N, C-alpha and C. Protein backbone atom coordinates (compact mmCIF):
# COMPACT_ATOMS: atom_id res chain seq x y z
N MET A 1 23.19 12.77 -3.20
CA MET A 1 23.37 13.84 -1.88
C MET A 1 22.79 13.53 -0.88
N VAL A 2 23.27 13.40 0.14
CA VAL A 2 22.67 13.10 1.75
C VAL A 2 22.42 13.95 1.99
N ASN A 3 21.41 13.97 3.00
CA ASN A 3 21.06 15.06 3.95
C ASN A 3 21.42 14.87 5.29
N LYS A 4 23.25 15.50 5.54
CA LYS A 4 23.44 14.99 6.38
C LYS A 4 22.70 15.42 7.87
N LEU A 5 22.27 16.68 8.09
CA LEU A 5 21.53 17.15 9.08
C LEU A 5 20.25 16.00 10.02
N GLU A 6 19.55 15.55 8.96
CA GLU A 6 18.21 14.44 8.88
C GLU A 6 19.10 13.02 9.42
N LEU A 7 20.57 12.69 8.66
CA LEU A 7 20.81 11.69 9.11
C LEU A 7 21.31 11.94 10.68
N GLU A 8 21.80 13.08 11.01
CA GLU A 8 22.65 12.74 12.37
C GLU A 8 21.35 12.73 13.18
N LEU A 9 20.28 13.40 12.78
CA LEU A 9 18.93 13.36 13.72
C LEU A 9 18.71 12.13 13.92
N ALA A 10 18.56 11.10 12.45
CA ALA A 10 17.90 9.81 12.68
C ALA A 10 19.37 8.64 14.09
N ILE A 11 20.47 9.37 13.77
CA ILE A 11 21.62 8.35 14.36
C ILE A 11 20.88 9.08 15.85
N ILE A 12 20.88 9.97 16.57
CA ILE A 12 20.22 10.55 17.80
C ILE A 12 19.24 9.93 17.86
N ARG A 13 17.82 9.99 17.48
CA ARG A 13 16.92 9.22 17.53
C ARG A 13 17.04 7.56 17.46
N ALA A 14 18.13 7.13 16.87
CA ALA A 14 18.18 5.56 17.57
C ALA A 14 18.91 5.32 18.77
N ASP A 15 19.41 6.84 19.40
CA ASP A 15 20.20 6.26 20.40
C ASP A 15 21.80 5.69 20.39
N MET A 16 22.34 6.14 19.32
CA MET A 16 23.61 5.37 18.58
C MET A 16 24.45 6.49 18.46
N THR A 17 25.60 6.27 18.67
CA THR A 17 26.76 7.15 17.93
C THR A 17 27.23 6.94 16.89
N LYS A 18 27.89 8.03 15.91
CA LYS A 18 28.51 7.28 14.54
C LYS A 18 29.59 6.57 14.47
N LYS A 19 30.06 6.50 15.78
CA LYS A 19 31.32 5.57 15.73
C LYS A 19 30.39 4.01 16.01
N GLU A 20 29.22 3.83 16.30
CA GLU A 20 27.95 2.88 16.81
C GLU A 20 28.04 2.11 15.40
N VAL A 21 27.61 3.52 14.77
CA VAL A 21 26.92 3.29 13.32
C VAL A 21 28.18 2.91 12.44
N ALA A 22 28.88 3.29 12.26
CA ALA A 22 30.21 2.74 11.46
C ALA A 22 30.78 1.31 11.65
N GLU A 23 30.85 1.04 12.80
CA GLU A 23 31.17 -0.28 13.57
C GLU A 23 30.03 -1.07 12.88
N LYS A 24 28.76 -0.95 13.30
CA LYS A 24 27.84 -1.65 12.83
C LYS A 24 27.76 -2.04 10.95
N MET A 25 27.92 -0.84 10.58
CA MET A 25 27.99 -0.93 9.11
C MET A 25 29.01 -1.75 8.44
N HIS A 26 30.26 -2.35 9.24
CA HIS A 26 31.55 -2.35 9.05
C HIS A 26 32.72 -1.76 8.15
N ILE A 27 32.49 -0.54 8.49
CA ILE A 27 33.05 0.83 7.77
C ILE A 27 33.99 1.61 8.76
N SER A 28 35.07 2.35 8.67
CA SER A 28 35.75 3.28 9.92
C SER A 28 34.57 4.49 9.71
N ARG A 29 35.23 4.80 10.69
CA ARG A 29 34.45 6.65 11.30
C ARG A 29 34.56 7.46 10.11
N MET A 30 36.25 7.27 9.42
CA MET A 30 36.18 8.06 8.57
C MET A 30 35.66 7.84 7.47
N THR A 31 35.63 6.68 7.05
CA THR A 31 34.46 6.29 5.80
C THR A 31 33.45 7.02 5.90
N LEU A 32 32.39 6.96 7.00
CA LEU A 32 30.87 7.06 7.42
C LEU A 32 30.79 8.99 7.00
N TYR A 33 32.07 9.42 7.86
CA TYR A 33 32.03 10.61 8.01
C TYR A 33 32.22 11.34 6.68
N ASN A 34 32.93 10.66 5.57
CA ASN A 34 33.11 11.27 4.08
C ASN A 34 32.02 11.26 3.25
N LYS A 35 31.13 10.01 3.76
CA LYS A 35 29.83 9.79 3.02
C LYS A 35 28.83 10.52 3.64
N MET A 36 29.09 10.83 4.98
CA MET A 36 27.91 12.01 5.52
C MET A 36 28.12 12.96 5.18
N ASN A 37 29.40 13.51 4.71
CA ASN A 37 29.64 14.78 4.35
C ASN A 37 29.81 15.09 2.70
N ASN A 38 29.00 14.07 2.10
CA ASN A 38 29.12 14.38 0.71
C ASN A 38 30.74 14.16 0.26
N ARG A 39 31.60 13.36 0.41
CA ARG A 39 32.94 13.54 -0.19
C ARG A 39 32.80 12.49 -1.27
N THR A 40 31.81 10.92 -0.59
CA THR A 40 31.83 9.97 -1.18
C THR A 40 30.50 9.47 -1.18
N LYS A 41 30.35 8.96 -2.16
CA LYS A 41 28.79 8.36 -1.87
C LYS A 41 28.76 7.14 -1.36
N PHE A 42 27.30 7.17 -1.04
CA PHE A 42 26.76 5.85 -0.11
C PHE A 42 26.53 4.54 -1.59
N ARG A 43 26.75 3.50 -1.03
CA ARG A 43 26.19 2.49 -2.23
C ARG A 43 24.51 2.05 -1.80
N ILE A 44 24.12 1.37 -2.95
CA ILE A 44 22.81 0.69 -2.25
C ILE A 44 22.52 0.05 -0.88
N SER A 45 23.45 -0.51 -1.07
CA SER A 45 23.65 -1.85 -0.07
C SER A 45 24.01 -1.29 1.15
N GLU A 46 24.46 0.20 1.34
CA GLU A 46 24.88 0.93 2.24
C GLU A 46 23.81 1.17 3.06
N ILE A 47 23.14 1.89 2.14
CA ILE A 47 21.71 2.74 2.02
C ILE A 47 20.80 1.92 3.06
N GLU A 48 20.75 0.39 2.46
CA GLU A 48 19.56 -0.60 2.95
C GLU A 48 20.42 -1.12 4.11
N ARG A 49 21.57 -1.22 4.53
CA ARG A 49 22.07 -1.65 5.60
C ARG A 49 22.03 -0.63 7.25
N LEU A 50 22.17 0.92 6.48
CA LEU A 50 21.66 1.87 7.84
C LEU A 50 20.18 2.00 8.01
N CYS A 51 19.42 2.12 7.00
CA CYS A 51 17.81 1.92 7.03
C CYS A 51 17.28 1.02 8.50
N LYS A 52 18.35 -0.67 8.13
CA LYS A 52 17.70 -1.36 8.93
C LYS A 52 18.49 -1.29 10.51
N ILE A 53 19.69 -0.48 10.57
CA ILE A 53 20.20 -0.19 11.66
C ILE A 53 19.72 1.02 12.76
N LEU A 54 18.77 1.99 11.53
CA LEU A 54 18.30 3.34 12.28
C LEU A 54 17.13 2.84 12.51
N ASN A 55 16.20 1.59 11.94
CA ASN A 55 15.17 1.63 12.04
C ASN A 55 14.31 2.59 11.38
N LEU A 56 14.58 2.98 9.87
CA LEU A 56 14.42 3.92 9.32
C LEU A 56 12.68 3.95 8.16
N ASP A 57 12.19 4.33 8.20
CA ASP A 57 11.07 3.90 7.34
C ASP A 57 11.02 4.48 6.01
N LYS A 58 10.02 4.36 5.03
CA LYS A 58 10.48 4.66 3.43
C LYS A 58 10.52 6.63 3.49
N GLU A 59 9.61 7.06 4.40
CA GLU A 59 9.81 8.50 4.52
C GLU A 59 10.89 9.06 4.92
N ALA A 60 11.70 8.77 6.27
CA ALA A 60 12.78 9.05 6.39
C ALA A 60 14.02 8.92 5.09
N ARG A 61 13.87 7.60 4.60
CA ARG A 61 14.77 7.46 4.04
C ARG A 61 14.98 8.30 2.63
N GLU A 62 13.80 8.49 2.48
CA GLU A 62 13.48 9.87 1.15
C GLU A 62 14.52 10.73 1.88
N LYS A 63 13.76 11.10 3.06
CA LYS A 63 14.24 12.60 3.41
C LYS A 63 16.14 12.55 3.65
N ILE A 64 16.82 11.65 3.62
CA ILE A 64 18.16 11.75 4.14
C ILE A 64 19.00 11.65 2.53
N PHE A 65 18.15 10.65 1.45
CA PHE A 65 19.08 9.95 0.94
C PHE A 65 18.93 10.32 -0.54
N PHE A 66 17.58 11.07 -0.72
CA PHE A 66 16.86 11.34 -2.12
C PHE A 66 16.42 12.62 -2.10
N VAL A 67 17.35 13.48 -2.04
CA VAL A 67 16.31 14.76 -1.71
C VAL A 67 17.11 15.23 -2.75
């Protein structure tokens, strides 16, 4: 289960929009929204990619994806 608030804060801290994040992840905005709202799950490869895009450290990753 994704901690949506922490993920949204991480996107803001990275000075990005959800649209930009989706584009960098090569997924649609709707797919990103579905994953952020726990309608579908992030794959491990997507979590890794998102961590690189947002420059997340281990602590932030744990807070967002492994709550």
